[in-house]
Amino acid sequence: SCALLQKPALETVRSSLRLLNASAYRLQSECRKTVPPEPGAAVDYQLLTQQVIQCAYDIAKAAKQLVTITTREKKQ
């Protein structure tokens, strides 16, 4: 429970959750761009792929931060 976390840990959790939320929202937005707004519209799949990879990386980073802080708190 967040109520049991010390202040620095709580701030790390909040920061990680913000990154996770923002990255997931961005990933959803980038994936929507794979469907052209109109038939025949150009889609830059190379750029989209790079954006999706970056979003996935940020999601993994946030998840790792959450696992690390949770594991550290359980050991204390």
Protein backbone atom coordinates (compact mmCIF):
# COMPACT_ATOMS: atom_id res chain seq x y z
CA SER A 1 0.00 0.00 0.00
CA CYS A 2 1.26 3.50 -0.84
CA ALA A 3 0.37 4.62 2.66
CA LEU A 4 3.19 2.45 4.00
CA LEU A 5 5.84 3.79 1.61
CA GLN A 6 8.38 6.31 2.82
CA LYS A 7 8.24 9.76 1.20
CA PRO A 8 11.11 9.27 -1.34
CA ALA A 9 9.64 5.91 -2.33
CA LEU A 10 6.17 7.40 -2.68
CA GLU A 11 7.48 10.13 -4.99
CA THR A 12 9.24 7.49 -7.11
CA VAL A 13 6.01 5.50 -7.35
CA ARG A 14 4.06 8.60 -8.37
CA SER A 15 6.69 9.52 -10.96
CA SER A 16 6.72 5.98 -12.36
CA LEU A 17 2.92 5.88 -12.53
CA ARG A 18 2.86 9.21 -14.37
CA LEU A 19 5.42 7.89 -16.90
CA LEU A 20 3.48 4.64 -17.27
CA ASN A 21 0.18 6.44 -17.81
CA ALA A 22 1.59 8.99 -20.27
CA SER A 23 3.48 6.33 -22.23
CA ALA A 24 0.45 4.04 -22.45
CA TYR A 25 -1.70 6.94 -23.67
CA ARG A 26 0.97 7.88 -26.24
CA LEU A 27 1.28 4.25 -27.38
CA GLN A 28 -2.47 4.10 -27.96
CA SER A 29 -2.31 7.35 -29.92
CA GLU A 30 0.62 6.15 -32.08
CA CYS A 31 -1.12 2.84 -32.82
CA ARG A 32 -4.23 4.69 -34.00
CA LYS A 33 -2.07 6.42 -36.61
CA THR A 34 -1.52 3.08 -38.39
CA VAL A 35 -5.04 3.46 -39.79
CA PRO A 36 -4.98 6.31 -42.33
CA PRO A 37 -7.57 9.05 -41.70
CA GLU A 38 -8.72 8.65 -45.28
CA PRO A 39 -8.21 5.91 -47.88
CA GLY A 40 -4.93 6.30 -49.73
CA ALA A 41 -3.39 8.68 -47.17
CA ALA A 42 0.33 8.15 -46.62
CA VAL A 43 1.46 6.64 -43.33
CA ASP A 44 5.12 6.85 -42.28
CA TYR A 45 5.42 3.37 -40.82
CA GLN A 46 9.15 3.75 -40.12
CA LEU A 47 8.52 6.79 -37.91
CA LEU A 48 5.50 5.13 -36.29
CA THR A 49 7.58 2.04 -35.52
CA GLN A 50 10.23 4.19 -33.84
CA GLN A 51 7.57 5.99 -31.80
CA VAL A 52 5.96 2.71 -30.71
CA ILE A 53 9.36 1.31 -29.71
CA GLN A 54 10.04 4.44 -27.62
CA CYS A 55 6.64 4.15 -25.93
CA ALA A 56 7.23 0.48 -25.17
CA TYR A 57 10.65 1.32 -23.74
CA ASP A 58 9.15 4.01 -21.48
CA ILE A 59 6.43 1.61 -20.31
CA ALA A 60 9.04 -1.04 -19.49
CA LYS A 61 11.18 1.55 -17.68
CA ALA A 62 8.25 2.70 -15.54
CA ALA A 63 7.26 -0.89 -14.76
CA LYS A 64 10.84 -1.72 -13.75
CA GLN A 65 10.93 1.31 -11.44
CA LEU A 66 7.70 0.15 -9.79
CA VAL A 67 8.98 -3.40 -9.35
CA THR A 68 12.29 -2.13 -7.93
CA ILE A 69 10.70 0.19 -5.39
CA THR A 70 8.09 -2.38 -4.38
CA THR A 71 10.75 -5.07 -3.90
CA ARG A 72 12.96 -2.71 -1.91
CA GLU A 73 10.08 -1.70 0.38
CA LYS A 74 9.12 -5.34 1.02
CA LYS A 75 12.68 -6.12 2.16
CA GLN A 76 12.62 -3.34 4.77
